[in-house]
N, C-alpha and C. Protein backbone atom coordinates (compact mmCIF):
# COMPACT_ATOMS: atom_id res chain seq x y z
N THR A 1 -6.32 10.22 13.04
CA THR A 1 -6.64 8.95 12.39
C THR A 1 -6.45 9.06 10.88
N VAL A 2 -6.19 7.92 10.31
CA VAL A 2 -6.02 7.81 8.87
C VAL A 2 -6.98 6.73 8.38
N ARG A 3 -7.68 6.98 7.28
CA ARG A 3 -8.54 5.95 6.69
C ARG A 3 -7.66 5.01 5.89
N VAL A 4 -7.77 3.72 6.15
CA VAL A 4 -6.96 2.72 5.45
C VAL A 4 -7.86 1.62 4.89
N TYR A 5 -7.38 0.99 3.83
CA TYR A 5 -8.06 -0.17 3.26
C TYR A 5 -7.48 -1.41 3.91
N VAL A 6 -8.35 -2.29 4.38
CA VAL A 6 -7.95 -3.51 5.07
C VAL A 6 -8.40 -4.70 4.24
N ASP A 7 -7.47 -5.63 3.97
CA ASP A 7 -7.79 -6.82 3.20
C ASP A 7 -8.95 -7.56 3.85
N ALA A 8 -10.00 -7.83 3.08
CA ALA A 8 -11.18 -8.49 3.63
C ALA A 8 -11.40 -9.88 3.05
N ALA A 9 -11.16 -10.05 1.75
CA ALA A 9 -11.46 -11.34 1.12
C ALA A 9 -10.91 -11.38 -0.29
N ARG A 10 -10.94 -12.56 -0.85
CA ARG A 10 -10.63 -12.78 -2.26
C ARG A 10 -11.83 -13.48 -2.87
N VAL A 11 -12.29 -12.99 -3.99
CA VAL A 11 -13.41 -13.62 -4.68
C VAL A 11 -12.83 -14.35 -5.89
N PRO A 12 -12.93 -15.68 -5.91
CA PRO A 12 -12.36 -16.42 -7.03
C PRO A 12 -13.17 -16.23 -8.31
N TRP A 13 -12.50 -16.39 -9.44
CA TRP A 13 -13.20 -16.37 -10.72
C TRP A 13 -14.22 -17.51 -10.71
N PRO A 14 -15.40 -17.31 -11.23
CA PRO A 14 -16.32 -18.43 -11.41
C PRO A 14 -15.68 -19.45 -12.35
N ALA A 15 -15.78 -20.71 -12.03
CA ALA A 15 -15.16 -21.76 -12.84
C ALA A 15 -15.88 -21.92 -14.18
N ALA A 16 -15.12 -22.25 -15.20
CA ALA A 16 -15.69 -22.51 -16.52
C ALA A 16 -16.18 -23.95 -16.59
N GLU A 17 -17.09 -24.18 -17.48
CA GLU A 17 -17.59 -25.54 -17.68
C GLU A 17 -16.57 -26.33 -18.48
N GLY A 18 -16.63 -27.64 -18.36
CA GLY A 18 -15.77 -28.49 -19.16
C GLY A 18 -14.35 -28.62 -18.67
N GLY A 19 -14.06 -28.19 -17.45
CA GLY A 19 -12.73 -28.36 -16.89
C GLY A 19 -11.68 -27.39 -17.38
N SER A 20 -12.07 -26.34 -18.09
CA SER A 20 -11.10 -25.35 -18.55
C SER A 20 -10.45 -24.66 -17.36
N ARG A 21 -9.18 -24.33 -17.51
CA ARG A 21 -8.49 -23.60 -16.45
C ARG A 21 -8.74 -22.10 -16.54
N LEU A 22 -9.40 -21.65 -17.59
CA LEU A 22 -9.72 -20.24 -17.73
C LEU A 22 -10.99 -19.91 -16.96
N PRO A 23 -11.16 -18.66 -16.57
CA PRO A 23 -12.36 -18.27 -15.83
C PRO A 23 -13.62 -18.49 -16.65
N GLY A 24 -14.72 -18.74 -15.96
CA GLY A 24 -16.00 -18.94 -16.61
C GLY A 24 -16.81 -17.67 -16.71
N ALA A 25 -16.20 -16.53 -16.42
CA ALA A 25 -16.91 -15.25 -16.48
C ALA A 25 -15.88 -14.13 -16.64
N LEU A 26 -16.39 -12.97 -17.00
CA LEU A 26 -15.57 -11.76 -17.10
C LEU A 26 -15.98 -10.79 -16.00
N ILE A 27 -15.11 -9.85 -15.71
CA ILE A 27 -15.45 -8.78 -14.76
C ILE A 27 -16.64 -8.01 -15.32
N ALA A 28 -17.60 -7.70 -14.48
CA ALA A 28 -18.76 -6.90 -14.92
C ALA A 28 -18.27 -5.56 -15.44
N PRO A 29 -18.81 -5.10 -16.57
CA PRO A 29 -18.34 -3.84 -17.16
C PRO A 29 -18.36 -2.66 -16.20
N GLY A 30 -19.35 -2.59 -15.32
CA GLY A 30 -19.45 -1.48 -14.38
C GLY A 30 -18.40 -1.50 -13.29
N LEU A 31 -17.70 -2.63 -13.16
CA LEU A 31 -16.66 -2.76 -12.13
C LEU A 31 -15.26 -2.47 -12.69
N GLN A 32 -15.10 -2.64 -14.00
CA GLN A 32 -13.80 -2.43 -14.64
C GLN A 32 -13.30 -1.00 -14.40
N ASP A 33 -12.03 -0.89 -14.05
CA ASP A 33 -11.38 0.41 -13.82
C ASP A 33 -11.97 1.17 -12.63
N ARG A 34 -12.56 0.45 -11.68
CA ARG A 34 -13.16 1.11 -10.51
C ARG A 34 -12.54 0.61 -9.21
N ASP A 35 -11.23 0.33 -9.24
CA ASP A 35 -10.54 -0.08 -8.01
C ASP A 35 -10.76 0.97 -6.93
N PHE A 36 -10.95 0.52 -5.70
CA PHE A 36 -11.10 1.36 -4.52
C PHE A 36 -12.40 2.17 -4.51
N GLU A 37 -13.38 1.79 -5.34
CA GLU A 37 -14.70 2.42 -5.30
C GLU A 37 -15.68 1.45 -4.65
N PRO A 38 -16.69 1.93 -3.95
CA PRO A 38 -17.60 1.05 -3.21
C PRO A 38 -18.32 0.04 -4.10
N LEU A 39 -18.45 -1.16 -3.56
CA LEU A 39 -19.22 -2.24 -4.19
C LEU A 39 -20.17 -2.75 -3.12
N ALA A 40 -21.47 -2.69 -3.38
CA ALA A 40 -22.47 -3.10 -2.39
C ALA A 40 -23.03 -4.47 -2.72
N ALA A 41 -23.54 -5.14 -1.71
CA ALA A 41 -24.21 -6.43 -1.92
C ALA A 41 -25.28 -6.25 -2.99
N GLY A 42 -25.31 -7.17 -3.94
CA GLY A 42 -26.27 -7.09 -5.04
C GLY A 42 -25.72 -6.44 -6.29
N ASP A 43 -24.58 -5.75 -6.20
CA ASP A 43 -23.96 -5.14 -7.38
C ASP A 43 -23.32 -6.22 -8.24
N ALA A 44 -23.26 -5.97 -9.54
CA ALA A 44 -22.67 -6.92 -10.49
C ALA A 44 -21.17 -7.04 -10.24
N LEU A 45 -20.71 -8.29 -10.18
CA LEU A 45 -19.30 -8.59 -9.96
C LEU A 45 -18.69 -9.23 -11.20
N PHE A 46 -19.35 -10.26 -11.72
CA PHE A 46 -18.91 -10.96 -12.92
C PHE A 46 -20.09 -11.11 -13.88
N VAL A 47 -19.77 -11.37 -15.15
CA VAL A 47 -20.79 -11.70 -16.15
C VAL A 47 -20.33 -12.97 -16.85
N ARG A 48 -21.19 -14.00 -16.81
CA ARG A 48 -20.87 -15.27 -17.47
C ARG A 48 -21.04 -15.14 -18.98
N ARG A 49 -20.48 -16.09 -19.73
CA ARG A 49 -20.55 -16.04 -21.19
C ARG A 49 -21.98 -16.05 -21.70
N ASN A 50 -22.91 -16.63 -20.94
CA ASN A 50 -24.31 -16.66 -21.36
C ASN A 50 -25.04 -15.36 -21.00
N GLY A 51 -24.31 -14.40 -20.42
CA GLY A 51 -24.89 -13.11 -20.06
C GLY A 51 -25.41 -13.03 -18.63
N ARG A 52 -25.43 -14.16 -17.92
CA ARG A 52 -25.91 -14.16 -16.54
C ARG A 52 -24.96 -13.38 -15.64
N VAL A 53 -25.50 -12.48 -14.85
CA VAL A 53 -24.71 -11.64 -13.95
C VAL A 53 -24.51 -12.37 -12.63
N VAL A 54 -23.28 -12.37 -12.15
CA VAL A 54 -22.96 -12.90 -10.82
C VAL A 54 -22.79 -11.69 -9.92
N GLU A 55 -23.67 -11.58 -8.91
CA GLU A 55 -23.66 -10.42 -8.02
C GLU A 55 -22.78 -10.66 -6.81
N TYR A 56 -22.27 -9.56 -6.24
CA TYR A 56 -21.56 -9.64 -4.97
C TYR A 56 -22.58 -10.01 -3.91
N ASP A 57 -22.27 -11.05 -3.11
CA ASP A 57 -23.25 -11.59 -2.16
C ASP A 57 -23.23 -10.92 -0.79
N GLY A 58 -22.34 -9.99 -0.56
CA GLY A 58 -22.30 -9.29 0.72
C GLY A 58 -21.62 -10.06 1.83
N GLU A 59 -21.03 -11.20 1.51
CA GLU A 59 -20.42 -12.06 2.53
C GLU A 59 -19.29 -11.37 3.31
N SER A 60 -18.56 -10.48 2.68
CA SER A 60 -17.42 -9.82 3.34
C SER A 60 -17.77 -8.45 3.90
N GLY A 61 -19.04 -8.08 3.83
CA GLY A 61 -19.50 -6.79 4.33
C GLY A 61 -20.51 -6.22 3.36
N ALA A 62 -21.42 -5.41 3.86
CA ALA A 62 -22.46 -4.83 3.01
C ALA A 62 -21.87 -3.95 1.92
N VAL A 63 -20.78 -3.26 2.23
CA VAL A 63 -20.06 -2.44 1.26
C VAL A 63 -18.58 -2.76 1.39
N VAL A 64 -17.95 -3.07 0.26
CA VAL A 64 -16.52 -3.36 0.22
C VAL A 64 -15.90 -2.55 -0.91
N TYR A 65 -14.57 -2.59 -1.01
CA TYR A 65 -13.85 -1.82 -2.00
C TYR A 65 -12.97 -2.76 -2.82
N PRO A 66 -13.34 -3.03 -4.08
CA PRO A 66 -12.54 -3.94 -4.90
C PRO A 66 -11.17 -3.35 -5.21
N VAL A 67 -10.17 -4.20 -5.19
CA VAL A 67 -8.81 -3.81 -5.57
C VAL A 67 -8.26 -4.88 -6.50
N PHE A 68 -7.31 -4.51 -7.33
CA PHE A 68 -6.71 -5.41 -8.31
C PHE A 68 -7.77 -6.03 -9.21
N VAL A 69 -8.71 -5.21 -9.67
CA VAL A 69 -9.78 -5.69 -10.53
C VAL A 69 -9.21 -6.04 -11.91
N ASN A 70 -9.50 -7.27 -12.35
CA ASN A 70 -9.15 -7.74 -13.69
C ASN A 70 -7.65 -7.77 -13.95
N GLU A 71 -6.88 -8.10 -12.94
CA GLU A 71 -5.44 -8.23 -13.13
C GLU A 71 -5.14 -9.46 -13.99
N ALA A 72 -4.33 -9.30 -15.00
CA ALA A 72 -4.05 -10.39 -15.94
C ALA A 72 -3.46 -11.61 -15.25
N ALA A 73 -2.71 -11.43 -14.20
CA ALA A 73 -2.09 -12.56 -13.51
C ALA A 73 -3.11 -13.48 -12.87
N TYR A 74 -4.35 -13.01 -12.75
CA TYR A 74 -5.38 -13.80 -12.06
C TYR A 74 -6.27 -14.59 -13.02
N TYR A 75 -5.99 -14.61 -14.30
CA TYR A 75 -6.91 -15.20 -15.27
C TYR A 75 -7.09 -16.70 -15.15
N HIS A 76 -6.11 -17.43 -14.68
CA HIS A 76 -6.30 -18.87 -14.54
C HIS A 76 -7.19 -19.15 -13.34
N ALA A 77 -8.34 -19.76 -13.59
CA ALA A 77 -9.34 -19.97 -12.53
C ALA A 77 -8.78 -20.77 -11.36
N GLN A 78 -7.87 -21.70 -11.63
CA GLN A 78 -7.34 -22.53 -10.56
C GLN A 78 -5.92 -22.13 -10.18
N SER A 79 -5.56 -20.88 -10.43
CA SER A 79 -4.20 -20.44 -10.14
C SER A 79 -4.00 -20.16 -8.66
N GLY A 80 -5.07 -20.20 -7.88
CA GLY A 80 -4.97 -19.87 -6.46
C GLY A 80 -5.15 -18.38 -6.22
N ALA A 81 -5.25 -17.62 -7.29
CA ALA A 81 -5.42 -16.18 -7.17
C ALA A 81 -6.90 -15.82 -7.26
N ALA A 82 -7.21 -14.64 -6.86
CA ALA A 82 -8.59 -14.18 -6.86
C ALA A 82 -8.93 -13.52 -8.17
N GLY A 83 -10.21 -13.52 -8.50
CA GLY A 83 -10.68 -12.70 -9.60
C GLY A 83 -10.70 -11.25 -9.16
N VAL A 84 -11.10 -11.04 -7.92
CA VAL A 84 -11.15 -9.70 -7.34
C VAL A 84 -10.76 -9.80 -5.87
N ALA A 85 -9.91 -8.90 -5.42
CA ALA A 85 -9.61 -8.79 -3.99
C ALA A 85 -10.52 -7.71 -3.42
N LEU A 86 -11.03 -7.92 -2.22
CA LEU A 86 -11.93 -6.96 -1.59
C LEU A 86 -11.31 -6.41 -0.32
N ALA A 87 -11.56 -5.15 -0.06
CA ALA A 87 -11.06 -4.50 1.16
C ALA A 87 -12.20 -3.75 1.83
N THR A 88 -12.03 -3.49 3.10
CA THR A 88 -12.95 -2.63 3.84
C THR A 88 -12.18 -1.39 4.27
N LEU A 89 -12.88 -0.37 4.67
CA LEU A 89 -12.25 0.86 5.16
C LEU A 89 -12.26 0.86 6.68
N ALA A 90 -11.17 1.30 7.27
CA ALA A 90 -11.09 1.39 8.73
C ALA A 90 -10.36 2.67 9.11
N ASP A 91 -10.65 3.16 10.29
CA ASP A 91 -9.91 4.30 10.83
C ASP A 91 -8.76 3.75 11.65
N TRP A 92 -7.55 4.18 11.31
CA TRP A 92 -6.35 3.70 11.99
C TRP A 92 -5.78 4.86 12.80
N PRO A 93 -5.78 4.75 14.13
CA PRO A 93 -5.26 5.84 14.95
C PRO A 93 -3.74 5.92 14.82
N ILE A 94 -3.24 7.10 14.67
CA ILE A 94 -1.79 7.29 14.63
C ILE A 94 -1.40 8.31 15.68
N GLU A 95 -0.19 8.19 16.11
CA GLU A 95 0.32 9.13 17.11
C GLU A 95 1.09 10.25 16.41
N ASP A 96 1.31 11.30 17.12
CA ASP A 96 2.10 12.40 16.60
C ASP A 96 3.57 12.00 16.67
N PHE A 97 4.19 11.84 15.52
CA PHE A 97 5.58 11.40 15.48
C PHE A 97 6.55 12.55 15.16
N THR A 98 6.15 13.75 15.45
CA THR A 98 7.06 14.87 15.21
C THR A 98 8.19 14.81 16.23
N PRO A 99 9.36 15.39 15.92
CA PRO A 99 10.48 15.36 16.88
C PRO A 99 10.13 15.95 18.23
N GLU A 100 9.22 16.93 18.24
CA GLU A 100 8.86 17.56 19.51
C GLU A 100 8.09 16.60 20.42
N SER A 101 7.45 15.57 19.85
CA SER A 101 6.65 14.67 20.66
C SER A 101 7.46 13.55 21.30
N ARG A 102 8.74 13.47 20.99
CA ARG A 102 9.56 12.36 21.52
C ARG A 102 10.21 12.73 22.82
């Protein structure tokens, strides 16, 4: 078996007030540069301009693995892209593909 990351969800940027197309929050400092590290329900995901922390709600699993954290292409809140993509870990069975096994 091989451990693989499986796409679980996309978390959109929190919307900004006043109709701005820019996100209404930044990636939480503790999440920056932590792609593929565990994120548990209740952990900080975003921080709004007023300092309010937006926590991961656990909707996609009690523990998930953020990927593509803070990618510049995702900055437009209504771009259809996620602020953070989330993955889960799974065991993927593989067969022996050596020439002797064929």
